[in-house]
Protein backbone atom coordinates (compact mmCIF):
# COMPACT_ATOMS: atom_id res chain seq x y z
CA MET A 1 0.00 0.00 0.00
CA LYS A 2 1.38 3.39 -0.93
CA LYS A 3 2.84 5.25 2.03
CA ILE A 4 1.66 8.91 2.20
CA LEU A 5 1.96 11.41 4.99
CA PHE A 6 -0.82 13.97 5.29
CA LEU A 7 -0.33 17.28 7.03
CA PHE A 8 -3.65 19.04 7.01
CA ALA A 9 -3.61 22.87 6.99
CA VAL A 10 -6.58 25.04 7.78
CA MET A 11 -9.57 23.93 5.73
CA THR A 12 -12.69 25.97 5.00
CA ALA A 13 -16.20 24.57 5.11
CA SER A 14 -16.49 24.94 1.33
CA VAL A 15 -13.72 22.38 0.61
CA THR A 16 -15.06 18.93 -0.21
CA LEU A 17 -12.81 16.19 1.20
CA ALA A 18 -11.68 13.32 -0.99
CA GLN A 19 -13.33 10.01 -0.21
CA ASP A 20 -10.14 8.41 1.23
CA LEU A 21 -9.19 11.33 3.50
CA PRO A 22 -10.19 11.62 7.18
CA ALA A 23 -13.54 13.21 7.87
CA ASN A 24 -13.69 16.50 9.80
CA PRO A 25 -9.95 17.12 10.16
CA GLU A 26 -8.85 19.85 12.53
CA PRO A 27 -6.64 22.68 11.30
CA GLY A 28 -2.96 22.19 12.05
CA LYS A 29 -3.39 18.51 12.97
CA CYS A 30 -1.49 15.56 11.46
CA TYR A 31 -3.06 12.24 10.57
CA VAL A 32 -1.86 8.87 9.33
CA ARG A 33 -3.92 6.17 7.68
CA CYS A 34 -3.86 2.89 9.60
CA THR A 35 -4.85 -0.50 8.28
CA THR A 36 -5.40 -2.81 11.18
CA PRO A 37 -2.91 -5.66 10.65
CA ASP A 38 -3.49 -9.34 11.03
CA VAL A 39 -2.63 -10.20 14.63
CA TYR A 40 -0.41 -13.22 15.03
CA VAL A 41 0.84 -14.90 18.17
CA ASN A 42 3.94 -17.02 18.41
CA GLU A 43 3.58 -20.62 19.52
CA THR A 44 6.47 -22.98 20.17
CA VAL A 45 6.52 -26.72 19.51
CA THR A 46 9.26 -28.85 21.03
CA LEU A 47 10.29 -31.93 19.04
CA THR A 48 12.58 -34.74 20.16
CA VAL A 49 15.10 -35.16 17.34
CA LYS A 50 17.17 -37.76 19.21
CA PRO A 51 16.06 -39.72 22.30
CA ALA A 52 18.08 -40.04 25.48
CA TYR A 53 20.39 -43.06 25.69
CA LYS A 54 23.08 -44.56 27.90
CA VAL A 55 26.82 -44.79 27.22
CA LEU A 56 29.10 -47.22 29.05
CA LYS A 57 32.71 -46.21 29.50
CA THR A 58 35.67 -48.02 31.02
CA VAL A 59 38.02 -46.24 33.37
CA PRO A 60 41.43 -47.99 33.36
CA ALA A 61 43.19 -48.98 36.52
CA THR A 62 45.53 -46.43 38.06
CA PHE A 63 48.81 -47.14 39.79
CA LYS A 64 51.12 -45.21 42.08
CA THR A 65 54.79 -45.49 42.81
CA VAL A 66 55.94 -45.89 46.41
CA THR A 67 59.43 -46.09 47.87
CA GLU A 68 60.48 -48.28 50.76
CA ARG A 69 63.75 -48.45 52.76
CA VAL A 70 64.82 -52.05 53.11
CA GLU A 71 67.71 -53.70 54.86
CA VAL A 72 70.25 -55.19 52.46
CA LYS A 73 72.89 -56.11 55.03
CA ALA A 74 72.18 -56.91 58.63
CA ALA A 75 74.28 -55.60 61.46
CA GLY A 76 77.15 -57.92 62.44
CA LYS A 77 80.35 -58.27 64.36
CA LYS A 78 83.97 -58.64 63.32
CA LEU A 79 86.19 -61.02 65.33
CA THR A 80 89.89 -60.41 65.46
CA VAL A 81 90.75 -64.07 65.93
CA VAL A 82 88.03 -66.09 64.27
CA PRO A 83 86.35 -64.15 61.50
CA GLU A 84 82.66 -64.35 61.10
CA LYS A 85 80.98 -66.38 58.39
CA TRP A 86 78.40 -64.83 56.08
CA GLY A 87 75.77 -66.16 53.79
CA THR A 88 73.33 -64.59 51.31
CA GLU A 89 69.54 -64.62 51.20
CA THR A 90 67.28 -63.68 48.31
CA VAL A 91 64.12 -61.80 49.26
CA SER A 92 61.28 -61.71 46.74
CA TYR A 93 58.66 -58.93 46.53
CA VAL A 94 55.87 -57.83 44.21
CA SER A 95 57.22 -55.01 42.07
CA LYS A 96 53.89 -54.41 40.33
CA GLU A 97 50.54 -55.67 41.50
CA GLY A 98 48.05 -57.12 39.08
CA GLY A 99 44.69 -55.71 38.03
CA ASN A 100 42.11 -56.06 35.30
CA THR A 101 41.20 -54.50 31.98
CA LEU A 102 37.54 -54.34 30.94
CA ARG A 103 36.01 -54.84 27.50
CA ILE A 104 32.39 -54.00 26.66
CA THR A 105 30.39 -56.16 24.25
CA PRO A 106 27.39 -54.21 22.89
CA ALA A 107 23.91 -55.70 22.68
CA SER A 108 23.07 -57.78 19.57
CA PHE A 109 19.78 -58.58 17.89
CA ARG A 110 18.48 -61.43 15.74
CA PRO A 111 15.68 -61.45 13.22
CA SER A 112 12.29 -62.89 14.11
CA SER A 113 8.73 -62.66 12.89
CA GLU A 114 5.21 -62.50 14.23
CA THR A 115 2.03 -63.75 12.53
CA ILE A 116 -1.19 -61.81 13.17
CA GLU A 117 -4.73 -62.35 12.04
CA ILE A 118 -5.82 -59.61 9.64
CA LYS A 119 -9.26 -61.05 8.82
CA PRO A 120 -11.20 -63.44 11.07
CA ALA A 121 -12.89 -66.63 9.85
CA TYR A 122 -16.55 -66.26 8.88
CA ALA A 123 -19.51 -68.14 7.35
CA GLN A 124 -22.47 -67.01 5.24
CA TRP A 125 -25.50 -68.35 3.44
CA GLU A 126 -25.04 -68.80 -0.29
CA LEU A 127 -27.56 -69.73 -2.97
CA GLY A 128 -26.66 -73.04 -4.71
CA ALA A 129 -27.64 -74.56 -8.07
CA SER A 130 -31.10 -76.06 -8.82
CA ALA A 131 -31.77 -79.69 -7.85
CA PRO A 132 -31.53 -82.02 -10.91
CA ASP A 133 -34.80 -83.77 -10.07
CA CYS A 134 -36.84 -80.59 -9.69
CA ALA A 135 -40.51 -81.28 -10.50
CA SER A 136 -41.32 -77.59 -11.04
CA GLY A 137 -41.02 -75.89 -14.34
CA ASN A 138 -39.41 -72.93 -12.60
CA PRO A 139 -35.85 -73.94 -11.63
CA ASP A 140 -35.77 -71.26 -8.89
CA ASP A 141 -38.35 -73.29 -6.98
CA CYS A 142 -35.81 -76.06 -6.43
CA ARG A 143 -32.67 -74.07 -5.64
CA TYR A 144 -31.08 -74.67 -2.27
CA TRP A 145 -29.08 -72.57 0.22
CA CYS A 146 -25.72 -73.54 1.67
CA TYR A 147 -24.12 -72.13 4.86
CA LYS A 148 -20.52 -71.84 3.60
CA GLY A 149 -17.54 -71.14 5.91
CA TYR A 150 -14.36 -69.22 5.00
CA PRO A 151 -11.02 -69.46 6.90
CA ALA A 152 -9.28 -66.56 8.65
CA GLU A 153 -6.55 -64.63 6.83
CA PHE A 154 -3.12 -64.03 8.35
CA THR A 155 0.02 -62.02 7.61
CA THR A 156 3.59 -62.34 8.91
CA ILE A 157 5.53 -59.26 10.15
CA ASP A 158 9.34 -59.25 10.36
CA THR A 159 10.62 -58.25 13.84
CA GLN A 160 13.85 -58.23 15.84
CA VAL A 161 14.47 -59.74 19.27
CA LEU A 162 17.33 -59.23 21.68
CA GLY A 163 20.02 -61.81 21.01
CA ALA A 164 22.44 -60.87 23.73
CA ASP A 165 22.44 -57.87 26.05
CA ALA A 166 25.49 -55.64 26.54
CA SER A 167 28.13 -57.20 28.80
CA VAL A 168 31.53 -56.49 30.34
CA ALA A 169 34.45 -58.93 30.17
CA LYS A 170 37.44 -58.73 32.52
CA THR A 171 40.98 -59.53 31.40
CA PRO A 172 43.47 -59.97 34.25
CA ILE A 173 46.72 -57.98 34.19
CA GLY A 174 49.47 -60.11 35.68
CA SER A 175 51.58 -58.90 38.53
CA LYS A 176 55.36 -58.51 38.37
CA ASN A 177 57.81 -59.87 40.90
CA ALA A 178 61.37 -58.87 41.76
CA SER A 179 63.90 -59.78 44.38
CA TYR A 180 66.89 -58.44 46.20
CA THR A 181 69.76 -60.21 47.94
CA LYS A 182 71.04 -59.56 51.42
CA ARG A 183 73.90 -60.96 53.42
CA VAL A 184 73.16 -62.62 56.72
CA LEU A 185 75.47 -63.57 59.51
CA LEU A 186 76.04 -67.31 59.74
CA GLU A 187 78.62 -67.45 62.52
CA PRO A 188 79.90 -64.55 64.64
CA ALA A 189 83.51 -64.01 65.60
CA LYS A 190 84.53 -65.82 68.71
CA VAL A 191 87.30 -63.70 70.23
CA VAL A 192 87.24 -59.93 69.65
CA GLU A 193 83.96 -58.59 68.49
CA THR A 194 83.66 -55.50 66.29
CA VAL A 195 80.14 -54.36 65.52
CA ILE A 196 79.41 -53.98 61.81
CA PRO A 197 76.32 -51.79 61.23
CA ALA A 198 73.47 -52.89 58.99
CA GLU A 199 73.20 -51.58 55.43
CA TYR A 200 69.97 -50.24 53.88
CA LYS A 201 68.69 -49.54 50.37
CA THR A 202 65.67 -47.59 49.10
CA ILE A 203 63.59 -49.54 46.57
CA THR A 204 60.76 -48.33 44.33
CA LYS A 205 57.65 -50.34 43.51
CA THR A 206 54.38 -49.74 41.67
CA VAL A 207 51.17 -50.57 43.52
CA LEU A 208 47.53 -50.54 42.42
CA ASP A 209 45.88 -47.29 43.39
CA LYS A 210 42.40 -47.90 41.92
CA ASP A 211 41.28 -50.88 39.86
CA ALA A 212 39.54 -50.49 36.48
CA PHE A 213 35.79 -49.91 36.57
CA THR A 214 32.91 -48.90 34.31
CA THR A 215 30.85 -45.74 34.38
CA GLU A 216 27.36 -45.24 33.03
CA GLU A 217 26.49 -41.90 31.48
CA THR A 218 23.02 -40.91 30.31
CA VAL A 219 23.12 -38.74 27.22
CA PRO A 220 20.06 -36.46 27.39
CA ALA A 221 17.58 -36.29 24.58
CA VAL A 222 18.18 -33.70 21.86
CA THR A 223 15.17 -31.48 21.30
CA LYS A 224 14.43 -28.69 18.91
CA THR A 225 11.99 -25.90 19.58
CA ILE A 226 10.22 -24.56 16.52
CA SER A 227 8.41 -21.25 16.65
CA LYS A 228 5.40 -20.73 14.44
CA GLU A 229 2.99 -17.86 13.91
CA VAL A 230 -0.72 -18.48 14.44
CA LEU A 231 -3.37 -16.01 13.25
CA LYS A 232 -5.20 -14.71 16.30
CA GLN A 233 -7.24 -11.89 14.76
CA LYS A 234 -7.87 -10.96 11.12
CA GLY A 235 -7.10 -7.33 10.23
CA GLY A 236 -7.91 -5.24 7.18
CA LEU A 237 -9.97 -2.33 8.54
CA THR A 238 -8.75 1.15 7.48
CA THR A 239 -8.94 4.04 9.93
CA TRP A 240 -7.36 7.47 10.35
CA LYS A 241 -5.44 8.35 13.50
CA GLU A 242 -4.27 11.71 14.75
CA VAL A 243 -0.57 11.73 15.64
CA GLU A 244 1.91 14.30 16.82
CA CYS A 245 3.07 16.29 13.79
CA SER A 246 6.71 15.91 14.86
CA LEU A 247 6.40 12.13 14.48
CA VAL A 248 5.69 12.28 10.73
CA GLU A 249 9.11 13.85 10.26
CA TYR A 250 12.35 11.93 10.81
CA GLN A 251 13.30 11.78 14.50
CA ALA A 252 16.80 10.85 15.69
CA LEU A 253 17.33 7.47 17.33
CA PRO A 254 20.67 8.17 19.05
CA ILE A 255 22.27 4.73 18.73
CA ASN A 256 26.08 4.70 18.83
CA TRP A 257 26.89 1.81 16.49
CA ASN A 258 30.25 0.10 16.81
CA LEU A 259 32.49 0.62 13.78
CA GLY A 260 31.31 -1.57 10.88
CA SER A 261 28.84 -3.42 13.15
CA ALA A 262 25.08 -3.91 12.90
CA THR A 263 24.77 -5.63 16.28
CA LEU A 264 22.64 -3.91 18.92
CA THR A 265 24.42 -3.34 22.21
CA SER A 266 22.57 -3.37 25.53
CA ALA A 267 22.75 0.44 25.52
CA ALA A 268 21.18 0.55 22.04
CA LYS A 269 18.36 -1.77 23.13
CA SER A 270 17.73 0.48 26.14
CA ILE A 271 17.42 3.50 23.77
CA ILE A 272 14.90 1.61 21.62
CA ASP A 273 12.91 0.59 24.70
CA SER A 274 12.73 4.13 26.04
CA ARG A 275 12.36 6.03 22.74
CA LEU A 276 10.44 3.83 20.26
CA MET A 277 8.33 1.51 22.40
CA PRO A 278 6.30 4.39 23.98
CA VAL A 279 5.62 5.84 20.49
CA LEU A 280 4.31 2.51 19.22
CA ALA A 281 2.30 1.90 22.39
CA LYS A 282 0.66 5.34 22.06
CA ASN A 283 -0.09 4.83 18.34
CA PRO A 284 -1.28 1.23 17.93
CA GLY A 285 -1.70 0.08 14.33
CA VAL A 286 0.45 2.90 12.87
CA LYS A 287 3.31 1.88 10.58
CA LEU A 288 6.85 2.90 11.55
CA GLU A 289 9.82 3.48 9.23
CA ILE A 290 13.35 2.87 10.56
CA ALA A 291 15.93 4.63 8.39
CA SER A 292 19.69 4.19 8.77
CA HIS A 293 22.44 6.27 7.07
CA THR A 294 26.25 6.32 6.83
CA ASP A 295 28.82 8.96 5.96
CA VAL A 296 30.52 8.99 2.53
CA ARG A 297 33.78 7.42 3.67
CA GLY A 298 34.40 3.88 2.47
CA ASN A 299 32.86 1.85 -0.33
CA SER A 300 29.34 3.00 -1.26
CA SER A 301 28.12 -0.60 -1.72
CA SER A 302 29.43 -1.58 1.72
CA ASN A 303 27.85 1.53 3.25
CA GLN A 304 24.50 0.64 1.67
CA ASP A 305 24.67 -2.91 3.02
CA LEU A 306 25.70 -1.72 6.49
CA SER A 307 22.86 0.79 6.69
CA GLU A 308 20.32 -1.86 5.63
CA ARG A 309 21.60 -4.33 8.24
CA ARG A 310 21.43 -1.70 10.98
CA ALA A 311 17.84 -0.73 10.12
CA LYS A 312 16.86 -4.40 10.03
CA ALA A 313 18.54 -5.02 13.41
CA VAL A 314 16.28 -2.38 15.00
CA ALA A 315 13.18 -3.85 13.31
CA ASP A 316 14.08 -7.40 14.38
CA TYR A 317 14.53 -6.26 17.97
CA LEU A 318 11.09 -4.58 17.93
CA ILE A 319 9.56 -7.83 16.64
CA THR A 320 11.05 -9.68 19.65
CA LYS A 321 9.30 -7.12 21.84
CA GLY A 322 5.93 -8.12 20.34
CA ILE A 323 5.58 -5.51 17.56
CA ASN A 324 3.81 -6.88 14.46
CA SER A 325 6.29 -7.15 11.60
CA SER A 326 3.71 -5.78 9.12
CA LEU A 327 3.88 -2.41 10.92
CA LEU A 328 7.66 -2.04 10.44
CA VAL A 329 9.57 -0.78 7.39
CA ALA A 330 13.39 -0.98 7.60
CA ASN A 331 15.22 1.15 5.01
CA GLY A 332 18.96 1.62 4.57
CA TYR A 333 20.03 4.69 2.58
CA GLY A 334 23.79 4.23 2.80
CA GLU A 335 25.61 7.50 1.97
CA ASN A 336 22.84 8.84 -0.32
CA LYS A 337 21.24 11.33 2.11
CA VAL A 338 24.00 13.32 3.81
CA LYS A 339 22.78 16.27 5.89
CA ASN A 340 25.69 18.63 5.38
CA ARG A 341 28.46 19.51 2.91
CA CYS A 342 30.42 16.29 3.57
CA ARG A 343 29.96 14.61 0.22
CA GLU A 344 32.41 12.44 -1.70
CA GLY A 345 35.80 14.21 -2.10
CA VAL A 346 35.06 16.95 0.49
CA SER A 347 37.40 17.20 3.48
CA CYS A 348 35.39 17.25 6.72
CA THR A 349 36.04 16.93 10.42
CA GLU A 350 35.08 13.81 12.38
CA ARG A 351 32.24 15.75 14.02
CA GLU A 352 30.85 16.73 10.60
CA HIS A 353 31.00 13.12 9.41
CA ALA A 354 29.26 11.97 12.61
CA VAL A 355 26.20 14.09 11.68
CA ASN A 356 25.61 11.81 8.66
CA ARG A 357 26.09 8.54 10.57
CA ARG A 358 22.60 8.33 12.01
CA THR A 359 19.54 6.15 12.56
CA GLU A 360 16.10 7.80 12.42
CA PHE A 361 12.41 6.90 12.57
CA ARG A 362 9.07 8.36 11.56
CA LEU A 363 5.39 7.37 11.37
CA ILE A 364 4.12 6.63 7.85
CA ASN A 365 0.81 5.66 6.25
CA ASN A 366 -0.15 2.01 5.76
């Protein structure tokens, strides 16, 4: 529908109004034509795209290293006359304790089938042929009825049954043994005794800290929420509404866009909430134009695209706030509507360029 703004000046009683203009306008007032839009509400439907399931995991055994001070030579005595006699002894120990590894065998299935009755057995009366010895000239007088039975009908459906459920198999991990040798006193000296101190050694061994085990993890279902629009109320009625005259002219929407960005910051959303939402709430059913502009610096095609994305970002945010999309027009003008002398090739200050980087709004006709 063509968008027209009407500013009505003082009208005399002799002027006949056109059929599509508001009746009895007041001098100096501004009006916009409103077509009541179709009212839609958003409904969400949640679908399960993948059901929840369980995952079995094995956690391998963990080991730790410990050190131990052991005696490798016992204390003894030295005799000056009869020397002592020594022997050796081998001491065995477990240098690494055993454990288990776990292996998971998943569930398996085998084919099967199931036969179901699709049509039950039945019987019915049926008219047979005439008797050969019929005495009547009319063969229908000698025809007979038979109560004939029919068997049930079946069909076979292919199915699957559980062959073997998931299981865990343990495989032992063998332990490791080691040994050390120590000298022991067999016979002490018999005359003069000299004490010989014991000797020690620090050994290292690996012991089982925590044996292998399985964990069970439930993977949650994956869902997808789909939003759809449902018509709540049919529009289409045309009415005229008086609005503030300043609102039919472009008004500044002081959003400070980040360089090259069309993303609304929290500060920008706050400006829209405080500046635009009250205007739309006060003028229900009136169409709003969001216009975004850039300065002349940079590529004109990029500037056009950036301005369009910024205008659309404002419109999209208003839609999330419940504004009907049919009441919003987002236009990007790029560098085509500068407000001062700063055109292509003209040297301007940053403040002068900032005047042209703007986002505006106004009320327009449906």
